[in-house]
Amino acid sequence: MAIEALTSAVIGANVGRIQLAVAARLLHVNADTARSAVKLIAAAGQSLDRLANVAAGVGTQIDVST
């Protein structure tokens, strides 16, 4: 009976280790995604700051038909 319990414990430990590895990878991916979102928001803010200085009506007559 002790062999079965030991085997079960080893298998359970391996499954737990794999679950922790997957969770760590998901956290890493989520952190990368959040970092990218922050960069995107910062870039959008910089673009809006530059556009705030443009005179009214600029860009309204752009021909994009070609």
PDB file of N, CA and C in Angstrom:
ATOM      1  N   MET A   1       0.819  -1.194   0.000  1.00  0.00           N
ATOM      2  CA  MET A   1       0.000   0.000   0.000  1.00  0.00           C
ATOM      3  C   MET A   1       0.864   1.260   0.000  1.00  0.00           C
ATOM      4  N   ALA A   2       2.008   1.200   0.637  1.00  0.00           N
ATOM      5  CA  ALA A   2       2.865   2.383   0.718  1.00  0.00           C
ATOM      6  C   ALA A   2       3.403   2.772  -0.649  1.00  0.00           C
ATOM      7  N   ILE A   3       3.660   1.806  -1.510  1.00  0.00           N
ATOM      8  CA  ILE A   3       4.171   2.088  -2.854  1.00  0.00           C
ATOM      9  C   ILE A   3       3.132   2.869  -3.652  1.00  0.00           C
ATOM     10  N   GLU A   4       1.859   2.458  -3.541  1.00  0.00           N
ATOM     11  CA  GLU A   4       0.798   3.158  -4.267  1.00  0.00           C
ATOM     12  C   GLU A   4       0.655   4.593  -3.775  1.00  0.00           C
ATOM     13  N   ALA A   5       0.742   4.793  -2.485  1.00  0.00           N
ATOM     14  CA  ALA A   5       0.627   6.136  -1.919  1.00  0.00           C
ATOM     15  C   ALA A   5       1.799   7.005  -2.354  1.00  0.00           C
ATOM     16  N   LEU A   6       2.988   6.434  -2.353  1.00  0.00           N
ATOM     17  CA  LEU A   6       4.176   7.181  -2.779  1.00  0.00           C
ATOM     18  C   LEU A   6       4.079   7.539  -4.257  1.00  0.00           C
ATOM     19  N   THR A   7       3.653   6.599  -5.074  1.00  0.00           N
ATOM     20  CA  THR A   7       3.486   6.850  -6.506  1.00  0.00           C
ATOM     21  C   THR A   7       2.447   7.940  -6.742  1.00  0.00           C
ATOM     22  N   SER A   8       1.357   7.847  -6.027  1.00  0.00           N
ATOM     23  CA  SER A   8       0.308   8.859  -6.153  1.00  0.00           C
ATOM     24  C   SER A   8       0.821  10.237  -5.738  1.00  0.00           C
ATOM     25  N   ALA A   9       1.613  10.296  -4.696  1.00  0.00           N
ATOM     26  CA  ALA A   9       2.166  11.571  -4.231  1.00  0.00           C
ATOM     27  C   ALA A   9       3.127  12.157  -5.250  1.00  0.00           C
ATOM     28  N   VAL A  10       3.952  11.308  -5.851  1.00  0.00           N
ATOM     29  CA  VAL A  10       4.909  11.784  -6.865  1.00  0.00           C
ATOM     30  C   VAL A  10       4.174  12.309  -8.091  1.00  0.00           C
ATOM     31  N   ILE A  11       3.160  11.562  -8.529  1.00  0.00           N
ATOM     32  CA  ILE A  11       2.377  12.015  -9.687  1.00  0.00           C
ATOM     33  C   ILE A  11       1.666  13.328  -9.367  1.00  0.00           C
ATOM     34  N   GLY A  12       1.105  13.440  -8.189  1.00  0.00           N
ATOM     35  CA  GLY A  12       0.449  14.677  -7.779  1.00  0.00           C
ATOM     36  C   GLY A  12       1.408  15.841  -7.720  1.00  0.00           C
ATOM     37  N   ALA A  13       2.620  15.597  -7.248  1.00  0.00           N
ATOM     38  CA  ALA A  13       3.621  16.662  -7.187  1.00  0.00           C
ATOM     39  C   ALA A  13       4.014  17.118  -8.585  1.00  0.00           C
ATOM     40  N   ASN A  14       4.146  16.169  -9.509  1.00  0.00           N
ATOM     41  CA  ASN A  14       4.487  16.533 -10.889  1.00  0.00           C
ATOM     42  C   ASN A  14       3.380  17.337 -11.546  1.00  0.00           C
ATOM     43  N   VAL A  15       2.151  16.938 -11.308  1.00  0.00           N
ATOM     44  CA  VAL A  15       1.016  17.689 -11.861  1.00  0.00           C
ATOM     45  C   VAL A  15       0.993  19.097 -11.272  1.00  0.00           C
ATOM     46  N   GLY A  16       1.226  19.214  -9.994  1.00  0.00           N
ATOM     47  CA  GLY A  16       1.271  20.532  -9.352  1.00  0.00           C
ATOM     48  C   GLY A  16       2.382  21.401  -9.908  1.00  0.00           C
ATOM     49  N   ARG A  17       3.529  20.796 -10.175  1.00  0.00           N
ATOM     50  CA  ARG A  17       4.661  21.540 -10.736  1.00  0.00           C
ATOM     51  C   ARG A  17       4.317  22.056 -12.129  1.00  0.00           C
ATOM     52  N   ILE A  18       3.659  21.226 -12.927  1.00  0.00           N
ATOM     53  CA  ILE A  18       3.253  21.639 -14.273  1.00  0.00           C
ATOM     54  C   ILE A  18       2.221  22.759 -14.192  1.00  0.00           C
ATOM     55  N   GLN A  19       1.290  22.648 -13.271  1.00  0.00           N
ATOM     56  CA  GLN A  19       0.278  23.700 -13.111  1.00  0.00           C
ATOM     57  C   GLN A  19       0.922  25.023 -12.712  1.00  0.00           C
ATOM     58  N   LEU A  20       1.900  24.969 -11.828  1.00  0.00           N
ATOM     59  CA  LEU A  20       2.606  26.191 -11.438  1.00  0.00           C
ATOM     60  C   LEU A  20       3.375  26.791 -12.611  1.00  0.00           C
ATOM     61  N   ALA A  21       3.988  25.957 -13.425  1.00  0.00           N
ATOM     62  CA  ALA A  21       4.717  26.452 -14.598  1.00  0.00           C
ATOM     63  C   ALA A  21       3.775  27.130 -15.582  1.00  0.00           C
ATOM     64  N   VAL A  22       2.617  26.531 -15.800  1.00  0.00           N
ATOM     65  CA  VAL A  22       1.624  27.134 -16.705  1.00  0.00           C
ATOM     66  C   VAL A  22       1.115  28.452 -16.127  1.00  0.00           C
ATOM     67  N   ALA A  23       0.835  28.486 -14.849  1.00  0.00           N
ATOM     68  CA  ALA A  23       0.356  29.723 -14.212  1.00  0.00           C
ATOM     69  C   ALA A  23       1.409  30.824 -14.296  1.00  0.00           C
ATOM     70  N   ALA A  24       2.664  30.475 -14.093  1.00  0.00           N
ATOM     71  CA  ALA A  24       3.740  31.467 -14.188  1.00  0.00           C
ATOM     72  C   ALA A  24       3.837  32.014 -15.603  1.00  0.00           C
ATOM     73  N   ARG A  25       3.697  31.144 -16.591  1.00  0.00           N
ATOM     74  CA  ARG A  25       3.752  31.591 -17.990  1.00  0.00           C
ATOM     75  C   ARG A  25       2.581  32.520 -18.302  1.00  0.00           C
ATOM     76  N   LEU A  26       1.392  32.179 -17.817  1.00  0.00           N
ATOM     77  CA  LEU A  26       0.230  33.038 -18.048  1.00  0.00           C
ATOM     78  C   LEU A  26       0.408  34.404 -17.391  1.00  0.00           C
ATOM     79  N   LEU A  27       0.976  34.420 -16.199  1.00  0.00           N
ATOM     80  CA  LEU A  27       1.236  35.707 -15.539  1.00  0.00           C
ATOM     81  C   LEU A  27       2.235  36.532 -16.334  1.00  0.00           C
ATOM     82  N   HIS A  28       3.234  35.879 -16.889  1.00  0.00           N
ATOM     83  CA  HIS A  28       4.232  36.579 -17.697  1.00  0.00           C
ATOM     84  C   HIS A  28       3.589  37.174 -18.949  1.00  0.00           C
ATOM     85  N   VAL A  29       2.725  36.393 -19.602  1.00  0.00           N
ATOM     86  CA  VAL A  29       2.037  36.874 -20.801  1.00  0.00           C
ATOM     87  C   VAL A  29       1.129  38.046 -20.444  1.00  0.00           C
ATOM     88  N   ASN A  30       0.420  37.946 -19.326  1.00  0.00           N
ATOM     89  CA  ASN A  30      -0.461  39.033 -18.900  1.00  0.00           C
ATOM     90  C   ASN A  30       0.337  40.297 -18.590  1.00  0.00           C
ATOM     91  N   ALA A  31       1.498  40.133 -17.986  1.00  0.00           N
ATOM     92  CA  ALA A  31       2.347  41.297 -17.690  1.00  0.00           C
ATOM     93  C   ALA A  31       2.827  41.938 -18.979  1.00  0.00           C
ATOM     94  N   ASP A  32       3.209  41.135 -19.966  1.00  0.00           N
ATOM     95  CA  ASP A  32       3.637  41.677 -21.257  1.00  0.00           C
ATOM     96  C   ASP A  32       2.501  42.413 -21.941  1.00  0.00           C
ATOM     97  N   THR A  33       1.303  41.859 -21.861  1.00  0.00           N
ATOM     98  CA  THR A  33       0.135  42.496 -22.466  1.00  0.00           C
ATOM     99  C   THR A  33      -0.167  43.829 -21.791  1.00  0.00           C
ATOM    100  N   ALA A  34      -0.097  43.853 -20.486  1.00  0.00           N
ATOM    101  CA  ALA A  34      -0.353  45.094 -19.758  1.00  0.00           C
ATOM    102  C   ALA A  34       0.705  46.137 -20.095  1.00  0.00           C
ATOM    103  N   ARG A  35       1.953  45.711 -20.196  1.00  0.00           N
ATOM    104  CA  ARG A  35       3.036  46.629 -20.538  1.00  0.00           C
ATOM    105  C   ARG A  35       2.804  47.214 -21.934  1.00  0.00           C
ATOM    106  N   SER A  36       2.377  46.393 -22.879  1.00  0.00           N
ATOM    107  CA  SER A  36       2.097  46.868 -24.237  1.00  0.00           C
ATOM    108  C   SER A  36       0.922  47.845 -24.244  1.00  0.00           C
ATOM    109  N   ALA A  37      -0.088  47.563 -23.453  1.00  0.00           N
ATOM    110  CA  ALA A  37      -1.249  48.454 -23.385  1.00  0.00           C
ATOM    111  C   ALA A  37      -0.856  49.813 -22.823  1.00  0.00           C
ATOM    112  N   VAL A  38      -0.001  49.824 -21.821  1.00  0.00           N
ATOM    113  CA  VAL A  38       0.455  51.091 -21.245  1.00  0.00           C
ATOM    114  C   VAL A  38       1.241  51.885 -22.279  1.00  0.00           C
ATOM    115  N   LYS A  39       2.103  51.217 -23.047  1.00  0.00           N
ATOM    116  CA  LYS A  39       2.865  51.904 -24.094  1.00  0.00           C
ATOM    117  C   LYS A  39       1.939  52.471 -25.160  1.00  0.00           C
ATOM    118  N   LEU A  40       0.908  51.709 -25.531  1.00  0.00           N
ATOM    119  CA  LEU A  40      -0.042  52.158 -26.534  1.00  0.00           C
ATOM    120  C   LEU A  40      -0.811  53.387 -26.053  1.00  0.00           C
ATOM    121  N   ILE A  41      -1.235  53.365 -24.814  1.00  0.00           N
ATOM    122  CA  ILE A  41      -1.969  54.507 -24.251  1.00  0.00           C
ATOM    123  C   ILE A  41      -1.068  55.733 -24.176  1.00  0.00           C
ATOM    124  N   ALA A  42       0.190  55.541 -23.799  1.00  0.00           N
ATOM    125  CA  ALA A  42       1.131  56.669 -23.737  1.00  0.00           C
ATOM    126  C   ALA A  42       1.364  57.251 -25.126  1.00  0.00           C
ATOM    127  N   ALA A  43       1.498  56.397 -26.132  1.00  0.00           N
ATOM    128  CA  ALA A  43       1.703  56.878 -27.504  1.00  0.00           C
ATOM    129  C   ALA A  43       0.476  57.633 -28.004  1.00  0.00           C
ATOM    130  N   ALA A  44      -0.707  57.132 -27.660  1.00  0.00           N
ATOM    131  CA  ALA A  44      -1.932  57.817 -28.063  1.00  0.00           C
ATOM    132  C   ALA A  44      -2.009  59.199 -27.415  1.00  0.00           C
ATOM    133  N   GLY A  45      -1.602  59.286 -26.168  1.00  0.00           N
ATOM    134  CA  GLY A  45      -1.594  60.583 -25.486  1.00  0.00           C
ATOM    135  C   GLY A  45      -0.633  61.555 -26.135  1.00  0.00           C
ATOM    136  N   GLN A  46       0.529  61.072 -26.553  1.00  0.00           N
ATOM    137  CA  GLN A  46       1.491  61.933 -27.234  1.00  0.00           C
ATOM    138  C   GLN A  46       0.946  62.403 -28.574  1.00  0.00           C
ATOM    139  N   SER A  47       0.262  61.522 -29.287  1.00  0.00           N
ATOM    140  CA  SER A  47      -0.329  61.895 -30.575  1.00  0.00           C
ATOM    141  C   SER A  47      -1.396  62.967 -30.381  1.00  0.00           C
ATOM    142  N   LEU A  48      -2.204  62.796 -29.343  1.00  0.00           N
ATOM    143  CA  LEU A  48      -3.247  63.787 -29.079  1.00  0.00           C
ATOM    144  C   LEU A  48      -2.642  65.137 -28.699  1.00  0.00           C
ATOM    145  N   ASP A  49      -1.530  65.124 -27.964  1.00  0.00           N
ATOM    146  CA  ASP A  49      -0.874  66.378 -27.606  1.00  0.00           C
ATOM    147  C   ASP A  49      -0.394  67.117 -28.847  1.00  0.00           C
ATOM    148  N   ARG A  50       0.151  66.365 -29.817  1.00  0.00           N
ATOM    149  CA  ARG A  50       0.614  67.002 -31.058  1.00  0.00           C
ATOM    150  C   ARG A  50      -0.554  67.520 -31.871  1.00  0.00           C
ATOM    151  N   LEU A  51      -1.649  66.773 -31.903  1.00  0.00           N
ATOM    152  CA  LEU A  51      -2.808  67.200 -32.681  1.00  0.00           C
ATOM    153  C   LEU A  51      -3.541  68.376 -32.048  1.00  0.00           C
ATOM    154  N   ALA A  52      -3.358  68.583 -30.771  1.00  0.00           N
ATOM    155  CA  ALA A  52      -4.028  69.695 -30.095  1.00  0.00           C
ATOM    156  C   ALA A  52      -3.533  71.040 -30.612  1.00  0.00           C
ATOM    157  N   ASN A  53      -2.324  71.081 -31.156  1.00  0.00           N
ATOM    158  CA  ASN A  53      -1.754  72.333 -31.652  1.00  0.00           C
ATOM    159  C   ASN A  53      -2.072  72.599 -33.120  1.00  0.00           C
ATOM    160  N   VAL A  54      -2.785  71.705 -33.784  1.00  0.00           N
ATOM    161  CA  VAL A  54      -3.122  71.868 -35.198  1.00  0.00           C
ATOM    162  C   VAL A  54      -4.320  72.804 -35.306  1.00  0.00           C
ATOM    163  N   ALA A  55      -4.269  73.658 -36.315  1.00  0.00           N
ATOM    164  CA  ALA A  55      -5.357  74.614 -36.518  1.00  0.00           C
ATOM    165  C   ALA A  55      -6.642  73.883 -36.884  1.00  0.00           C
ATOM    166  N   ALA A  56      -7.774  74.493 -36.586  1.00  0.00           N
ATOM    167  CA  ALA A  56      -9.064  73.901 -36.878  1.00  0.00           C
ATOM    168  C   ALA A  56      -9.219  73.735 -38.387  1.00  0.00           C
ATOM    169  N   GLY A  57      -9.757  72.605 -38.818  1.00  0.00           N
ATOM    170  CA  GLY A  57     -10.021  72.365 -40.235  1.00  0.00           C
ATOM    171  C   GLY A  57      -8.884  71.706 -40.979  1.00  0.00           C
ATOM    172  N   VAL A  58      -7.714  71.599 -40.377  1.00  0.00           N
ATOM    173  CA  VAL A  58      -6.576  70.979 -41.064  1.00  0.00           C
ATOM    174  C   VAL A  58      -6.853  69.486 -41.231  1.00  0.00           C
ATOM    175  N   GLY A  59      -6.692  68.994 -42.445  1.00  0.00           N
ATOM    176  CA  GLY A  59      -6.887  67.580 -42.734  1.00  0.00           C
ATOM    177  C   GLY A  59      -8.301  67.211 -43.147  1.00  0.00           C
ATOM    178  N   THR A  60      -9.176  68.187 -43.248  1.00  0.00           N
ATOM    179  CA  THR A  60     -10.556  67.860 -43.597  1.00  0.00           C
ATOM    180  C   THR A  60     -10.733  67.674 -45.099  1.00  0.00           C
ATOM    181  N   GLN A  61      -9.800  68.122 -45.912  1.00  0.00           N
ATOM    182  CA  GLN A  61      -9.932  68.030 -47.367  1.00  0.00           C
ATOM    183  C   GLN A  61      -8.939  67.029 -47.964  1.00  0.00           C
ATOM    184  N   ILE A  62      -8.642  65.972 -47.264  1.00  0.00           N
ATOM    185  CA  ILE A  62      -7.699  64.967 -47.746  1.00  0.00           C
ATOM    186  C   ILE A  62      -8.414  64.030 -48.699  1.00  0.00           C
ATOM    187  N   ASP A  63      -7.804  63.797 -49.897  1.00  0.00           N
ATOM    188  CA  ASP A  63      -8.374  62.886 -50.879  1.00  0.00           C
ATOM    189  C   ASP A  63      -7.737  61.512 -50.696  1.00  0.00           C
ATOM    190  N   VAL A  64      -8.510  60.548 -50.259  1.00  0.00           N
ATOM    191  CA  VAL A  64      -7.999  59.203 -50.038  1.00  0.00           C
ATOM    192  C   VAL A  64      -8.574  58.212 -51.042  1.00  0.00           C
ATOM    193  N   SER A  65      -9.050  58.702 -52.193  1.00  0.00           N
ATOM    194  CA  SER A  65      -9.690  57.840 -53.166  1.00  0.00           C
ATOM    195  C   SER A  65      -8.697  57.041 -53.999  1.00  0.00           C
ATOM    196  N   THR A  66      -7.416  57.379 -53.985  1.00  0.00           N
ATOM    197  CA  THR A  66      -6.448  56.630 -54.799  1.00  0.00           C
ATOM    198  C   THR A  66      -5.852  55.480 -54.100  1.00  0.00           C
TER     199      THR A  66
END
